Amino acid sequence: MTAINQISKGLRVLVVSSKPPEYSGNLGGGVVKALRNAGCHVEYLSLIPSEKENDFPIYSILKQEPQKTGDRLSEAMAGPGLKYVKKVLKPFVHLSRNIIYRFSHKRKVAAFSAKAGFIYPDESAPPIDTDSLLNQLPASAGYDLIITIFWQRMLNSTSLRALYDRFKVPVYLYAVDMAPVSGGCFYFNSCVRYKSGCGKCPCLLSDDPHDRSHQNYLIKKANYSHAQIYYVGNSWMIERAVGSRLFDAERVLNISLLIDETVFYPERSESVRQSLHLPEGKDIILLVRSSNATRKGGDIIVHAAEYIQTHQPAEYLSRICWVTIGYGSLHVMLAKTGAYVVNHGVVNQDKLVSLYREASLFLNPSTDDAGPSMVNQSIMCGTPVVSFNLGTAVDVIENGISGFKTDDISPEGFYRTLEKAIRSLIEGTNPSIRETTRATALRHNTSAVFASRLLGHYSTVCSTR
């Protein structure tokens, strides 16, 4: 039995997440699997039920995912007429909003803040009240530690305080974004107010240093100080968590994102390649996610494609195929540059894994991101990543070893880094890069690494309690 198994054997763990285990590449399920493999008994509390059969206890607060009014309307009107109706109504909707916002500053701020990502408006009032949260757990339940993953529409720091007050055990925030260290937003963009207690929040169009974001910050600070709460994330996230002064160096734990190495692994197949509509002769496959979020860098990808199309010789361009996945119209904009594009739209996990495996490079142009998880998923499949030096790339992307990255966070910085990566592939500069990429992921992202670091930290905490 390993040292970690000796420490963790019989430990009772509660995972709390607004998303079911299978969400985001089975992230919650991966956490459960890692801890169970280490000898823990794990239970799961989620906002909505899992759609899969699971062999561990799952408690859910809602019976199904609540549907937004707009989604219900779209469903009811689904068909060729929907686009026409939207087009006709768009100017009237725009005009009515402008009229409303002119006479109601409160409505204007509410709409702007939601669009800007201020999705935690009141830290004293969790999206799910604490009684409803705790009542889903058996009255006799007892745990040795608690882990939270996704918060949105379910949790905030007041929820964590309630969990701590009931069970009196360490709570680990396995963060997926920056919400735990802000006054209400989940990404900072260019704002650095989180370093000084928030206030004057750009998401709230505010010049008031004591606005709602500052009040939320103070509530968070009180909740974290009251309970034994630890922030878990990569180096980039931890630097900001400590910078927020909500956590000190004793309350942070550096763990990269857990990726199931038995699902995400290298394997290429000619038949799979054909099923993905990747043409013969296109041996440089550039995989990129399409997203409407500005911080995800879709415009940077278009700039990169324009640059590649005008600065590479024809014999290089004839070998390049851009592959897009996800929502949005990135494939349309890429095609306008003259690039050869294959669009797969929204894909399931099996197809996503296949695309990682067949890709030559995964392109991550995010300019403000704690992850994204796709970087870690890609390198676990042996596919190097082109990225800015932020988020998870700080820890797992090393130039010429697991990808190519730059500190120059600009379109120019990205396309010059991509150009270097493409030339490396064509000229064979880094012939073993797929092997070293996978090896990097195995050092940082496996189930065993996650369990070892988390439970090792827990054992240290317990010895000092």
Protein backbone atom coordinates (compact mmCIF):
# COMPACT_ATOMS: atom_id res chain seq x y z
CA MET A 1 0.00 0.00 0.00
CA THR A 2 1.37 3.45 -0.93
CA ALA A 3 1.89 6.20 1.63
CA ILE A 4 -1.06 8.12 0.19
CA ASN A 5 -3.33 5.07 0.45
CA GLN A 6 -2.29 4.67 4.08
CA ILE A 7 -3.19 8.32 4.73
CA SER A 8 -6.47 8.30 2.85
CA LYS A 9 -7.87 4.82 3.46
CA GLY A 10 -11.40 5.28 4.75
CA LEU A 11 -11.43 9.06 4.44
CA ARG A 12 -14.91 10.43 3.74
CA VAL A 13 -14.92 13.11 1.05
CA LEU A 14 -17.76 15.30 -0.19
CA VAL A 15 -17.43 16.84 -3.67
CA VAL A 16 -19.74 19.83 -4.18
CA SER A 17 -20.27 21.21 -7.69
CA SER A 18 -23.00 22.99 -9.63
CA LYS A 19 -22.21 20.65 -12.51
CA PRO A 20 -22.67 16.85 -12.54
CA PRO A 21 -19.60 14.57 -12.59
CA GLU A 22 -19.53 14.14 -16.37
CA TYR A 23 -19.37 17.87 -17.15
CA SER A 24 -16.21 19.40 -18.71
CA GLY A 25 -14.52 16.22 -19.82
CA ASN A 26 -15.74 14.33 -16.73
CA LEU A 27 -13.81 16.65 -14.38
CA GLY A 28 -15.96 15.91 -11.33
CA GLY A 29 -15.98 12.21 -12.16
CA GLY A 30 -12.21 12.32 -12.49
CA VAL A 31 -11.87 13.85 -9.02
CA VAL A 32 -14.09 11.11 -7.60
CA LYS A 33 -12.18 8.36 -9.40
CA ALA A 34 -8.79 9.70 -8.26
CA LEU A 35 -9.84 9.86 -4.62
CA ARG A 36 -11.55 6.47 -4.67
CA ASN A 37 -8.44 4.92 -6.22
CA ALA A 38 -6.55 6.36 -3.26
CA GLY A 39 -8.89 4.59 -0.83
CA CYS A 40 -11.39 7.36 -0.04
CA HIS A 41 -15.17 7.05 0.23
CA VAL A 42 -16.59 9.83 -1.95
CA GLU A 43 -20.06 11.37 -2.19
CA TYR A 44 -21.17 14.08 -4.63
CA LEU A 45 -23.58 17.01 -4.21
CA SER A 46 -24.66 18.69 -7.46
CA LEU A 47 -27.16 21.28 -8.60
CA ILE A 48 -28.67 18.93 -11.17
CA PRO A 49 -28.71 15.13 -11.53
CA SER A 50 -26.10 13.23 -13.47
CA GLU A 51 -27.17 11.80 -16.82
CA LYS A 52 -24.87 8.82 -16.32
CA GLU A 53 -25.00 5.73 -14.18
CA ASN A 54 -22.55 6.21 -11.31
CA ASP A 55 -21.39 3.81 -8.61
CA PHE A 56 -21.02 6.45 -5.90
CA PRO A 57 -23.71 8.43 -4.03
CA ILE A 58 -24.93 11.58 -5.80
CA TYR A 59 -27.33 14.09 -4.29
CA SER A 60 -28.90 16.81 -6.44
CA ILE A 61 -30.81 19.93 -5.48
CA LEU A 62 -32.89 20.30 -8.66
CA LYS A 63 -34.54 17.54 -10.65
CA GLN A 64 -33.36 18.95 -13.98
CA GLU A 65 -31.47 21.83 -15.54
CA PRO A 66 -33.65 24.97 -15.37
CA GLN A 67 -34.41 26.30 -18.84
CA LYS A 68 -34.14 29.99 -19.62
CA THR A 69 -37.11 31.80 -21.14
CA GLY A 70 -35.12 32.56 -24.29
CA ASP A 71 -34.23 28.90 -24.70
CA ARG A 72 -37.88 27.85 -24.34
CA LEU A 73 -38.89 30.42 -26.95
CA SER A 74 -36.18 29.26 -29.33
CA GLU A 75 -37.31 25.65 -28.89
CA ALA A 76 -40.93 26.55 -29.55
CA MET A 77 -40.03 28.51 -32.66
CA ALA A 78 -37.30 26.18 -33.93
CA GLY A 79 -37.17 26.07 -37.69
CA PRO A 80 -36.25 28.21 -40.68
CA GLY A 81 -38.58 30.99 -39.53
CA LEU A 82 -36.67 31.64 -36.31
CA LYS A 83 -33.74 33.43 -37.96
CA TYR A 84 -36.15 35.60 -39.92
CA VAL A 85 -38.12 36.53 -36.79
CA LYS A 86 -34.91 37.41 -34.94
CA LYS A 87 -33.72 39.56 -37.81
CA VAL A 88 -37.02 41.45 -37.98
CA LEU A 89 -37.22 41.98 -34.21
CA LYS A 90 -33.57 42.88 -33.63
CA PRO A 91 -33.84 46.67 -34.27
CA PHE A 92 -36.99 46.90 -32.13
CA VAL A 93 -35.33 45.01 -29.27
CA HIS A 94 -32.27 47.25 -29.52
CA LEU A 95 -34.41 50.41 -29.51
CA SER A 96 -36.54 49.29 -26.56
CA ARG A 97 -33.42 48.43 -24.53
CA ASN A 98 -31.92 51.84 -25.19
CA ILE A 99 -35.13 53.54 -24.06
CA ILE A 100 -35.28 51.43 -20.89
CA TYR A 101 -31.61 52.06 -20.09
CA ARG A 102 -32.00 55.82 -20.58
CA PHE A 103 -34.64 55.98 -17.86
CA SER A 104 -33.37 53.20 -15.60
CA HIS A 105 -29.67 53.28 -14.70
CA LYS A 106 -30.23 50.26 -12.46
CA ARG A 107 -31.50 48.16 -15.38
CA LYS A 108 -28.62 49.34 -17.55
CA VAL A 109 -26.04 48.37 -14.92
CA ALA A 110 -27.73 44.98 -14.36
CA ALA A 111 -27.63 44.18 -18.08
CA PHE A 112 -24.06 45.43 -18.53
CA SER A 113 -22.74 43.62 -15.45
CA ALA A 114 -24.25 40.29 -16.55
CA LYS A 115 -22.68 40.65 -19.99
CA ALA A 116 -19.35 41.66 -18.44
CA GLY A 117 -19.27 38.53 -16.28
CA PHE A 118 -20.37 39.91 -12.90
CA ILE A 119 -22.37 36.79 -12.13
CA TYR A 120 -22.13 36.76 -8.31
CA PRO A 121 -24.09 39.91 -7.39
CA ASP A 122 -24.49 39.36 -3.63
CA GLU A 123 -21.97 37.33 -1.66
CA SER A 124 -24.28 37.23 1.37
CA ALA A 125 -27.02 35.48 -0.64
CA PRO A 126 -25.92 32.27 -2.43
CA PRO A 127 -27.83 31.27 -5.59
CA ILE A 128 -29.06 28.23 -3.61
CA ASP A 129 -29.81 29.13 0.00
CA THR A 130 -27.70 27.31 2.55
CA ASP A 131 -30.62 25.39 4.10
CA SER A 132 -31.59 23.94 0.72
CA LEU A 133 -27.96 23.08 0.11
CA LEU A 134 -27.39 21.27 3.39
CA ASN A 135 -30.79 19.58 3.47
CA GLN A 136 -29.89 17.49 0.41
CA LEU A 137 -27.30 15.64 2.47
CA PRO A 138 -28.27 12.83 4.85
CA ALA A 139 -28.81 14.01 8.42
CA SER A 140 -26.24 11.48 9.59
CA ALA A 141 -23.62 12.51 7.00
CA GLY A 142 -20.09 13.16 8.18
CA TYR A 143 -17.01 14.00 6.14
CA ASP A 144 -13.27 14.44 6.65
CA LEU A 145 -12.83 16.99 3.88
CA ILE A 146 -14.89 18.84 1.29
CA ILE A 147 -13.92 19.81 -2.27
CA THR A 148 -15.81 22.32 -4.41
CA ILE A 149 -15.46 22.53 -8.18
CA PHE A 150 -17.99 24.58 -10.22
CA TRP A 151 -19.80 27.37 -8.34
CA GLN A 152 -22.01 29.13 -10.88
CA ARG A 153 -25.74 29.19 -10.04
CA MET A 154 -25.19 27.21 -6.82
CA LEU A 155 -22.36 28.35 -4.54
CA ASN A 156 -20.45 31.30 -3.18
CA SER A 157 -18.25 31.84 -0.11
CA THR A 158 -21.30 31.99 2.18
CA SER A 159 -22.18 28.46 1.03
CA LEU A 160 -18.67 27.33 1.97
CA ARG A 161 -19.00 28.86 5.40
CA ALA A 162 -22.26 26.96 5.93
CA LEU A 163 -20.64 23.68 4.86
CA TYR A 164 -17.73 24.31 7.21
CA ASP A 165 -20.00 25.22 10.12
CA ARG A 166 -21.89 21.96 9.75
CA PHE A 167 -18.98 19.56 9.23
CA LYS A 168 -15.97 21.41 10.75
CA VAL A 169 -13.54 19.98 8.18
CA PRO A 170 -11.13 21.56 5.66
CA VAL A 171 -12.75 22.89 2.49
CA TYR A 172 -10.70 22.89 -0.72
CA LEU A 173 -11.71 25.24 -3.55
CA TYR A 174 -10.61 23.39 -6.68
CA ALA A 175 -11.07 26.54 -8.73
CA VAL A 176 -12.06 26.53 -12.41
CA ASP A 177 -12.07 30.34 -12.75
CA MET A 178 -11.26 33.43 -10.69
CA ALA A 179 -14.63 33.90 -8.97
CA PRO A 180 -13.29 32.84 -5.53
CA VAL A 181 -10.89 35.81 -5.48
CA SER A 182 -13.02 38.62 -6.90
CA GLY A 183 -15.88 40.83 -5.77
CA GLY A 184 -18.36 39.26 -8.17
CA CYS A 185 -16.82 38.60 -11.59
CA PHE A 186 -15.31 35.31 -12.71
CA TYR A 187 -12.55 36.82 -14.89
CA PHE A 188 -10.66 40.06 -14.36
CA ASN A 189 -9.91 41.02 -17.98
CA SER A 190 -7.66 44.10 -17.61
CA CYS A 191 -8.98 45.07 -14.16
CA VAL A 192 -6.62 44.84 -11.18
CA ARG A 193 -9.03 46.13 -8.53
CA TYR A 194 -9.11 42.64 -6.98
CA LYS A 195 -5.66 43.47 -5.54
CA SER A 196 -7.08 46.30 -3.43
CA GLY A 197 -10.43 44.99 -2.25
CA CYS A 198 -12.38 45.66 -5.45
CA GLY A 199 -14.71 48.70 -5.57
CA LYS A 200 -14.94 51.10 -8.52
CA CYS A 201 -15.95 48.00 -10.46
CA PRO A 202 -15.91 48.39 -14.27
CA CYS A 203 -18.53 45.64 -14.52
CA LEU A 204 -20.88 47.84 -12.48
CA LEU A 205 -19.98 51.07 -14.34
CA SER A 206 -19.00 52.29 -10.89
CA ASP A 207 -16.73 55.01 -9.49
CA ASP A 208 -17.69 54.16 -5.90
CA PRO A 209 -14.86 52.50 -3.90
CA HIS A 210 -17.50 51.01 -1.58
CA ASP A 211 -19.79 49.59 -4.26
CA ARG A 212 -21.29 46.10 -4.34
CA SER A 213 -18.05 44.51 -5.50
CA HIS A 214 -16.19 45.89 -2.46
CA GLN A 215 -18.98 44.75 -0.12
CA ASN A 216 -18.78 41.28 -1.69
CA TYR A 217 -15.02 41.27 -1.19
CA LEU A 218 -15.40 42.07 2.52
CA ILE A 219 -18.00 39.30 2.95
CA LYS A 220 -15.65 36.84 1.21
CA LYS A 221 -12.77 37.89 3.45
CA ALA A 222 -14.89 37.32 6.56
CA ASN A 223 -16.13 33.93 5.34
CA TYR A 224 -12.66 32.70 4.41
CA SER A 225 -11.22 33.93 7.72
CA HIS A 226 -13.95 32.14 9.65
CA ALA A 227 -13.41 28.73 8.08
CA GLN A 228 -10.53 26.40 7.19
CA ILE A 229 -10.60 27.05 3.46
CA TYR A 230 -7.82 26.41 0.93
CA TYR A 231 -7.55 27.68 -2.63
CA VAL A 232 -6.38 25.07 -5.17
CA GLY A 233 -5.15 26.02 -8.63
CA ASN A 234 -2.21 26.38 -10.97
CA SER A 235 0.67 28.84 -10.48
CA TRP A 236 -1.02 31.63 -12.45
CA MET A 237 -4.21 31.31 -10.38
CA ILE A 238 -2.37 31.10 -7.07
CA GLU A 239 -0.39 34.25 -7.82
CA ARG A 240 -3.69 36.10 -8.19
CA ALA A 241 -5.31 34.44 -5.20
CA VAL A 242 -2.47 35.60 -2.97
CA GLY A 243 -2.48 38.99 -4.73
CA SER A 244 -6.13 39.44 -3.78
CA ARG A 245 -5.16 39.20 -0.08
CA LEU A 246 -8.08 36.83 0.47
CA PHE A 247 -5.60 33.96 0.80
CA ASP A 248 -2.07 33.91 2.15
CA ALA A 249 0.72 31.53 1.17
CA GLU A 250 -0.42 29.04 3.83
CA ARG A 251 -3.90 28.76 2.35
CA VAL A 252 -3.07 27.92 -1.27
CA LEU A 253 -2.19 24.62 -2.93
CA ASN A 254 -0.66 24.27 -6.40
CA ILE A 255 -2.37 21.48 -8.32
CA SER A 256 -2.83 21.48 -12.07
CA LEU A 257 -6.10 20.41 -13.67
CA LEU A 258 -6.90 16.71 -13.39
CA ILE A 259 -7.18 14.94 -16.75
CA ASP A 260 -8.01 11.25 -16.99
CA GLU A 261 -4.96 9.77 -18.69
CA THR A 262 -6.89 6.59 -19.52
CA VAL A 263 -9.32 8.58 -21.70
CA PHE A 264 -7.07 11.31 -23.07
CA TYR A 265 -4.08 9.54 -24.59
CA PRO A 266 -2.19 9.53 -27.93
CA GLU A 267 -3.46 7.23 -30.66
CA ARG A 268 -3.69 7.94 -34.37
CA SER A 269 -5.77 6.09 -36.92
CA GLU A 270 -6.17 6.57 -40.66
CA SER A 271 -9.81 5.50 -40.50
CA VAL A 272 -10.51 8.00 -37.69
CA ARG A 273 -8.75 10.71 -39.66
CA GLN A 274 -11.00 10.01 -42.63
CA SER A 275 -14.11 10.06 -40.45
CA LEU A 276 -13.07 13.53 -39.26
CA HIS A 277 -12.91 14.73 -42.90
CA LEU A 278 -9.21 15.55 -42.72
CA PRO A 279 -7.95 15.40 -46.31
CA GLU A 280 -4.88 13.56 -47.51
CA GLY A 281 -1.88 15.80 -47.98
CA LYS A 282 -2.97 18.11 -45.15
CA ASP A 283 -0.47 16.91 -42.56
CA ILE A 284 -0.40 20.07 -40.41
CA ILE A 285 -3.70 20.12 -38.54
CA LEU A 286 -4.36 23.27 -36.48
CA LEU A 287 -7.17 22.67 -33.97
CA VAL A 288 -8.89 25.69 -32.43
CA ARG A 289 -12.01 26.31 -30.38
CA SER A 290 -14.63 28.74 -31.68
CA SER A 291 -16.08 30.98 -28.97
CA ASN A 292 -17.94 34.29 -28.92
CA ALA A 293 -16.19 35.35 -25.69
CA THR A 294 -13.70 38.12 -26.44
CA ARG A 295 -11.17 36.84 -23.92
CA LYS A 296 -11.03 33.49 -25.79
CA GLY A 297 -9.21 35.25 -28.62
CA GLY A 298 -11.19 34.42 -31.76
CA ASP A 299 -10.05 37.68 -33.36
CA ILE A 300 -6.44 36.73 -32.64
CA ILE A 301 -6.89 33.44 -34.49
CA VAL A 302 -8.22 35.32 -37.53
CA HIS A 303 -5.21 37.67 -37.42
CA ALA A 304 -2.94 34.62 -37.19
CA ALA A 305 -4.58 32.97 -40.19
CA GLU A 306 -4.26 36.16 -42.24
CA TYR A 307 -0.58 36.37 -41.35
CA ILE A 308 0.11 32.71 -42.12
CA GLN A 309 -1.72 32.95 -45.46
CA THR A 310 0.38 35.93 -46.58
CA HIS A 311 3.76 35.03 -45.08
CA GLN A 312 4.17 31.32 -45.78
CA PRO A 313 5.18 29.77 -49.12
CA ALA A 314 2.51 28.01 -51.15
CA GLU A 315 4.03 24.58 -50.49
CA TYR A 316 3.61 25.13 -46.73
CA LEU A 317 0.05 26.45 -47.05
CA SER A 318 -0.97 23.43 -49.12
CA ARG A 319 -0.20 21.23 -46.09
CA ILE A 320 -2.19 23.22 -43.50
CA CYS A 321 -5.76 22.46 -42.42
CA TRP A 322 -7.54 24.54 -39.77
CA VAL A 323 -10.13 22.63 -37.72
CA THR A 324 -12.69 24.50 -35.63
CA ILE A 325 -14.93 23.17 -32.87
CA GLY A 326 -17.46 24.83 -30.58
CA TYR A 327 -20.00 27.61 -30.92
CA GLY A 328 -19.64 30.68 -33.07
CA SER A 329 -18.66 31.47 -36.62
CA LEU A 330 -14.87 31.33 -36.45
CA HIS A 331 -14.79 28.87 -39.35
CA VAL A 332 -16.49 31.42 -41.60
CA MET A 333 -13.98 34.14 -40.74
CA LEU A 334 -11.05 31.76 -41.21
CA ALA A 335 -12.33 30.70 -44.62
CA LYS A 336 -12.40 34.37 -45.69
CA THR A 337 -8.63 34.52 -45.18
CA GLY A 338 -8.19 31.82 -47.82
CA ALA A 339 -7.32 29.15 -45.26
CA TYR A 340 -8.51 25.57 -45.73
CA VAL A 341 -11.03 24.97 -42.91
CA VAL A 342 -12.96 21.97 -41.58
CA ASN A 343 -15.65 22.83 -39.03
CA HIS A 344 -17.01 20.23 -36.60
CA GLY A 345 -19.14 22.54 -34.46
CA VAL A 346 -20.05 21.30 -31.01
CA VAL A 347 -18.54 17.84 -30.41
CA ASN A 348 -18.92 15.15 -27.78
CA GLN A 349 -15.99 13.94 -25.72
CA ASP A 350 -15.16 10.98 -27.96
CA LYS A 351 -14.85 13.17 -31.05
CA LEU A 352 -12.95 15.81 -29.09
CA VAL A 353 -10.37 13.24 -28.02
CA SER A 354 -10.06 12.01 -31.62
CA LEU A 355 -9.47 15.56 -32.84
CA TYR A 356 -6.79 16.18 -30.22
CA ARG A 357 -5.04 12.98 -31.31
CA GLU A 358 -5.08 13.81 -35.02
CA ALA A 359 -4.15 17.48 -34.57
CA SER A 360 -0.59 18.68 -35.04
CA LEU A 361 -1.13 21.68 -32.73
CA PHE A 362 -3.90 22.94 -30.48
CA LEU A 363 -4.14 26.72 -30.64
CA ASN A 364 -5.12 28.55 -27.44
CA PRO A 365 -5.33 32.33 -28.00
CA SER A 366 -7.08 33.10 -24.66
CA THR A 367 -5.91 36.41 -23.21
CA ASP A 368 -7.50 35.99 -19.77
CA ASP A 369 -8.02 32.43 -18.62
CA ALA A 370 -7.31 30.32 -15.56
CA GLY A 371 -7.00 27.31 -17.88
CA PRO A 372 -8.42 26.51 -20.25
CA SER A 373 -8.82 22.78 -19.59
CA MET A 374 -8.40 22.12 -23.32
CA VAL A 375 -4.68 22.91 -22.99
CA ASN A 376 -4.27 20.11 -20.45
CA GLN A 377 -6.50 17.75 -22.42
CA SER A 378 -4.48 18.37 -25.57
CA ILE A 379 -1.09 17.72 -24.05
CA MET A 380 -2.40 14.55 -22.39
CA CYS A 381 -3.18 13.36 -25.93
CA GLY A 382 0.38 14.21 -26.94
CA THR A 383 -0.57 17.26 -28.99
CA PRO A 384 1.56 20.37 -28.33
CA VAL A 385 -0.10 23.73 -27.68
CA VAL A 386 0.47 27.25 -28.98
CA SER A 387 -0.49 29.73 -26.29
CA PHE A 388 0.21 32.91 -24.40
CA ASN A 389 2.15 32.43 -21.18
CA LEU A 390 -0.81 32.63 -18.83
CA GLY A 391 -3.26 30.34 -17.08
CA THR A 392 -2.33 26.69 -17.07
CA ALA A 393 0.31 27.29 -19.78
CA VAL A 394 2.58 28.84 -17.15
CA ASP A 395 3.05 25.39 -15.61
CA VAL A 396 2.61 22.91 -18.44
CA ILE A 397 3.74 24.53 -21.71
CA GLU A 398 7.49 24.62 -22.25
CA ASN A 399 8.87 25.86 -25.55
CA GLY A 400 9.94 23.02 -27.80
CA ILE A 401 8.94 20.43 -25.18
CA SER A 402 5.14 20.58 -24.86
CA GLY A 403 4.33 23.44 -27.18
CA PHE A 404 5.19 27.04 -27.92
CA LYS A 405 4.25 30.10 -25.85
CA THR A 406 4.98 33.81 -25.62
CA ASP A 407 4.84 36.60 -23.03
CA ASP A 408 3.79 39.02 -25.78
CA ILE A 409 0.01 39.00 -25.28
CA SER A 410 -0.96 40.51 -28.62
CA PRO A 411 -2.06 39.29 -32.05
CA GLU A 412 1.51 39.78 -33.27
CA GLY A 413 2.91 37.78 -30.38
CA PHE A 414 0.55 34.91 -31.10
CA TYR A 415 0.98 34.68 -34.86
CA ARG A 416 4.77 34.86 -34.63
CA THR A 417 4.69 32.03 -32.07
CA LEU A 418 2.39 30.03 -34.33
CA GLU A 419 4.71 30.64 -37.27
CA LYS A 420 7.60 29.30 -35.21
CA ALA A 421 5.56 26.22 -34.27
CA ILE A 422 4.58 25.48 -37.88
CA ARG A 423 8.14 25.82 -39.08
CA SER A 424 9.28 23.52 -36.30
CA LEU A 425 6.87 20.86 -37.56
CA ILE A 426 7.86 21.28 -41.19
CA GLU A 427 11.60 21.37 -40.53
CA GLY A 428 11.53 18.63 -37.87
CA THR A 429 13.25 20.83 -35.26
CA ASN A 430 11.62 19.00 -32.34
CA PRO A 431 11.15 15.43 -33.60
CA SER A 432 10.12 14.00 -30.21
CA ILE A 433 7.73 16.76 -29.21
CA ARG A 434 4.62 14.54 -29.10
CA GLU A 435 6.36 12.17 -26.67
CA THR A 436 7.68 15.00 -24.48
CA THR A 437 4.27 16.68 -24.56
CA ARG A 438 2.55 13.57 -23.20
CA ALA A 439 5.32 13.14 -20.60
CA THR A 440 4.70 16.71 -19.39
CA ALA A 441 1.01 16.00 -18.89
CA LEU A 442 1.79 12.79 -16.99
CA ARG A 443 3.93 14.80 -14.55
CA HIS A 444 1.25 17.42 -13.90
CA ASN A 445 -2.26 16.23 -14.67
CA THR A 446 -2.87 12.58 -13.83
CA SER A 447 -5.32 11.22 -11.29
CA ALA A 448 -2.45 9.96 -9.14
CA VAL A 449 -0.72 13.35 -9.11
CA PHE A 450 -3.96 15.07 -8.09
CA ALA A 451 -4.69 12.62 -5.28
CA SER A 452 -1.11 12.63 -4.00
CA ARG A 453 -0.88 16.41 -3.75
CA LEU A 454 -4.35 16.97 -2.30
CA LEU A 455 -4.26 14.16 0.26
CA GLY A 456 -0.64 14.86 1.11
CA HIS A 457 -1.62 18.44 1.93
CA TYR A 458 -4.63 17.21 3.92
CA SER A 459 -2.40 14.95 6.02
CA THR A 460 -0.14 17.90 6.81
CA VAL A 461 -3.15 20.01 7.78
CA CYS A 462 -4.47 17.25 10.03
CA SER A 463 -1.13 16.85 11.81
CA THR A 464 -1.21 20.55 12.79
CA ARG A 465 -4.87 20.68 13.84
